[in-house]
Amino acid sequence: MRMTINLDPKILWGFVSVLTLIVVKTLLTWVIAWKAGEFDIREAPRFLISNVLPYCAALAILAAPSIWMPELANFFLGFVALVDAKYVAEIIDRAKAFFEIEIPDEIAS
């Protein structure tokens, strides 16, 4: 069996998109905590270990086989889409909190 290396840019861009959203969400979370006077730099490593690194590790674990087996790329990209959607929703929530935007229940439903 011959393995070929799949250097599909979609894999790289998928990885980069999730990492970018993770950085944006993390920075927004820290800015909101700082604005509220609750930011503690001593908690930053624990936050990164529990909220950031698991997604990075899972992406790397899913991306690696996609490089050698192109048929797994769709599985990886599906995971990327789910994680991207999660982080976009969380960024919207954080942006609403940061700018103190409240949507009444009548409009939201």
C-alpha atoms as a PDB file:
ATOM      1  CA  MET A   1       0.000   0.000   0.000  1.00  0.00           C
ATOM      2  CA  ARG A   2       1.418   3.324  -1.042  1.00  0.00           C
ATOM      3  CA  MET A   3       0.646   6.387   1.038  1.00  0.00           C
ATOM      4  CA  THR A   4       0.678   9.798  -0.528  1.00  0.00           C
ATOM      5  CA  ILE A   5       0.868  13.078   1.288  1.00  0.00           C
ATOM      6  CA  ASN A   6      -2.238  15.218   0.816  1.00  0.00           C
ATOM      7  CA  LEU A   7      -1.179  18.828   1.099  1.00  0.00           C
ATOM      8  CA  ASP A   8      -4.708  20.070   0.558  1.00  0.00           C
ATOM      9  CA  PRO A   9      -4.885  23.742   1.555  1.00  0.00           C
ATOM     10  CA  LYS A  10      -8.386  23.153   2.958  1.00  0.00           C
ATOM     11  CA  ILE A  11      -6.820  21.205   5.833  1.00  0.00           C
ATOM     12  CA  LEU A  12      -4.423  24.037   6.651  1.00  0.00           C
ATOM     13  CA  TRP A  13      -7.069  26.742   6.305  1.00  0.00           C
ATOM     14  CA  GLY A  14      -9.497  24.733   8.428  1.00  0.00           C
ATOM     15  CA  PHE A  15      -6.871  24.450  11.141  1.00  0.00           C
ATOM     16  CA  VAL A  16      -6.056  28.163  10.882  1.00  0.00           C
ATOM     17  CA  SER A  17      -9.738  29.179  10.993  1.00  0.00           C
ATOM     18  CA  VAL A  18     -10.345  27.347  14.257  1.00  0.00           C
ATOM     19  CA  LEU A  19      -7.138  28.637  15.831  1.00  0.00           C
ATOM     20  CA  THR A  20      -8.045  32.202  14.828  1.00  0.00           C
ATOM     21  CA  LEU A  21     -11.496  31.910  16.367  1.00  0.00           C
ATOM     22  CA  ILE A  22      -9.988  30.412  19.530  1.00  0.00           C
ATOM     23  CA  VAL A  23      -7.595  33.358  19.855  1.00  0.00           C
ATOM     24  CA  VAL A  24     -10.377  35.914  19.257  1.00  0.00           C
ATOM     25  CA  LYS A  25     -12.683  34.269  21.807  1.00  0.00           C
ATOM     26  CA  THR A  26      -9.887  33.972  24.372  1.00  0.00           C
ATOM     27  CA  LEU A  27      -8.892  37.613  23.991  1.00  0.00           C
ATOM     28  CA  LEU A  28     -12.517  38.765  24.210  1.00  0.00           C
ATOM     29  CA  THR A  29     -13.017  36.661  27.341  1.00  0.00           C
ATOM     30  CA  TRP A  30      -9.928  38.169  28.949  1.00  0.00           C
ATOM     31  CA  VAL A  31     -10.891  41.731  27.978  1.00  0.00           C
ATOM     32  CA  ILE A  32     -14.381  41.253  29.437  1.00  0.00           C
ATOM     33  CA  ALA A  33     -12.900  39.834  32.650  1.00  0.00           C
ATOM     34  CA  TRP A  34     -10.415  42.719  32.837  1.00  0.00           C
ATOM     35  CA  LYS A  35     -13.206  45.258  32.248  1.00  0.00           C
ATOM     36  CA  ALA A  36     -15.226  43.673  35.076  1.00  0.00           C
ATOM     37  CA  GLY A  37     -12.173  43.674  37.361  1.00  0.00           C
ATOM     38  CA  GLU A  38     -12.133  39.874  37.506  1.00  0.00           C
ATOM     39  CA  PHE A  39      -9.080  39.128  35.360  1.00  0.00           C
ATOM     40  CA  ASP A  40      -6.321  37.269  37.156  1.00  0.00           C
ATOM     41  CA  ILE A  41      -3.193  36.506  35.153  1.00  0.00           C
ATOM     42  CA  ARG A  42      -2.498  33.553  37.457  1.00  0.00           C
ATOM     43  CA  GLU A  43      -5.626  31.844  36.080  1.00  0.00           C
ATOM     44  CA  ALA A  44      -4.574  32.284  32.430  1.00  0.00           C
ATOM     45  CA  PRO A  45      -2.511  29.048  32.199  1.00  0.00           C
ATOM     46  CA  ARG A  46      -5.350  26.997  33.693  1.00  0.00           C
ATOM     47  CA  PHE A  47      -7.790  28.628  31.268  1.00  0.00           C
ATOM     48  CA  LEU A  48      -5.543  27.821  28.310  1.00  0.00           C
ATOM     49  CA  ILE A  49      -5.065  24.215  29.436  1.00  0.00           C
ATOM     50  CA  SER A  50      -8.748  23.560  30.026  1.00  0.00           C
ATOM     51  CA  ASN A  51     -10.404  25.673  27.304  1.00  0.00           C
ATOM     52  CA  VAL A  52      -7.937  26.100  24.454  1.00  0.00           C
ATOM     53  CA  LEU A  53      -5.492  23.199  24.274  1.00  0.00           C
ATOM     54  CA  PRO A  54      -8.105  20.411  24.046  1.00  0.00           C
ATOM     55  CA  TYR A  55      -9.446  21.862  20.785  1.00  0.00           C
ATOM     56  CA  CYS A  56      -5.946  22.399  19.398  1.00  0.00           C
ATOM     57  CA  ALA A  57      -4.931  18.837  20.264  1.00  0.00           C
ATOM     58  CA  ALA A  58      -8.126  17.358  18.813  1.00  0.00           C
ATOM     59  CA  LEU A  59      -7.612  19.313  15.602  1.00  0.00           C
ATOM     60  CA  ALA A  60      -4.019  18.161  15.297  1.00  0.00           C
ATOM     61  CA  ILE A  61      -5.034  14.539  15.937  1.00  0.00           C
ATOM     62  CA  LEU A  62      -7.727  14.749  13.253  1.00  0.00           C
ATOM     63  CA  ALA A  63      -5.616  16.727  10.778  1.00  0.00           C
ATOM     64  CA  ALA A  64      -2.598  14.408  10.849  1.00  0.00           C
ATOM     65  CA  PRO A  65      -4.294  11.330   9.313  1.00  0.00           C
ATOM     66  CA  SER A  66      -5.995  13.598   6.755  1.00  0.00           C
ATOM     67  CA  ILE A  67      -2.580  14.438   5.371  1.00  0.00           C
ATOM     68  CA  TRP A  68      -1.876  10.804   4.496  1.00  0.00           C
ATOM     69  CA  MET A  69      -5.417   9.611   3.794  1.00  0.00           C
ATOM     70  CA  PRO A  70      -7.334  12.186   1.728  1.00  0.00           C
ATOM     71  CA  GLU A  71     -10.663  10.417   2.366  1.00  0.00           C
ATOM     72  CA  LEU A  72     -10.427  11.506   6.027  1.00  0.00           C
ATOM     73  CA  ALA A  73     -10.185  15.177   5.052  1.00  0.00           C
ATOM     74  CA  ASN A  74     -13.981  15.483   4.908  1.00  0.00           C
ATOM     75  CA  PHE A  75     -14.256  14.149   8.466  1.00  0.00           C
ATOM     76  CA  PHE A  76     -11.688  16.695   9.598  1.00  0.00           C
ATOM     77  CA  LEU A  77     -13.442  19.532   7.742  1.00  0.00           C
ATOM     78  CA  GLY A  78     -16.759  18.520   9.298  1.00  0.00           C
ATOM     79  CA  PHE A  79     -15.189  18.742  12.729  1.00  0.00           C
ATOM     80  CA  VAL A  80     -13.728  22.131  11.781  1.00  0.00           C
ATOM     81  CA  ALA A  81     -17.184  23.362  10.739  1.00  0.00           C
ATOM     82  CA  LEU A  82     -18.709  22.281  14.062  1.00  0.00           C
ATOM     83  CA  VAL A  83     -15.962  23.873  16.137  1.00  0.00           C
ATOM     84  CA  ASP A  84     -16.063  27.044  14.013  1.00  0.00           C
ATOM     85  CA  ALA A  85     -19.832  27.307  14.567  1.00  0.00           C
ATOM     86  CA  LYS A  86     -19.342  26.842  18.325  1.00  0.00           C
ATOM     87  CA  TYR A  87     -16.710  29.551  18.522  1.00  0.00           C
ATOM     88  CA  VAL A  88     -18.620  32.001  16.304  1.00  0.00           C
ATOM     89  CA  ALA A  89     -21.664  31.633  18.589  1.00  0.00           C
ATOM     90  CA  GLU A  90     -19.477  32.174  21.668  1.00  0.00           C
ATOM     91  CA  ILE A  91     -17.770  35.200  20.105  1.00  0.00           C
ATOM     92  CA  ILE A  92     -21.186  36.719  19.346  1.00  0.00           C
ATOM     93  CA  ASP A  93     -22.217  36.117  22.973  1.00  0.00           C
ATOM     94  CA  ARG A  94     -18.978  37.685  24.247  1.00  0.00           C
ATOM     95  CA  ALA A  95     -19.350  40.673  21.896  1.00  0.00           C
ATOM     96  CA  LYS A  96     -22.899  41.233  23.170  1.00  0.00           C
ATOM     97  CA  ALA A  97     -21.595  41.120  26.744  1.00  0.00           C
ATOM     98  CA  PHE A  98     -18.686  43.435  25.949  1.00  0.00           C
ATOM     99  CA  PHE A  99     -20.849  46.049  24.227  1.00  0.00           C
ATOM    100  CA  GLU A 100     -23.662  45.442  26.751  1.00  0.00           C
ATOM    101  CA  ILE A 101     -26.208  44.590  24.066  1.00  0.00           C
ATOM    102  CA  GLU A 102     -29.398  42.921  25.212  1.00  0.00           C
ATOM    103  CA  ILE A 103     -31.960  41.517  22.822  1.00  0.00           C
ATOM    104  CA  PRO A 104     -35.500  41.403  24.238  1.00  0.00           C
ATOM    105  CA  ASP A 105     -37.151  37.976  24.277  1.00  0.00           C
ATOM    106  CA  GLU A 106     -39.914  39.156  21.912  1.00  0.00           C
ATOM    107  CA  ILE A 107     -37.371  39.944  19.187  1.00  0.00           C
ATOM    108  CA  ALA A 108     -35.097  36.957  19.820  1.00  0.00           C
ATOM    109  CA  SER A 109     -37.843  34.367  19.296  1.00  0.00           C
END
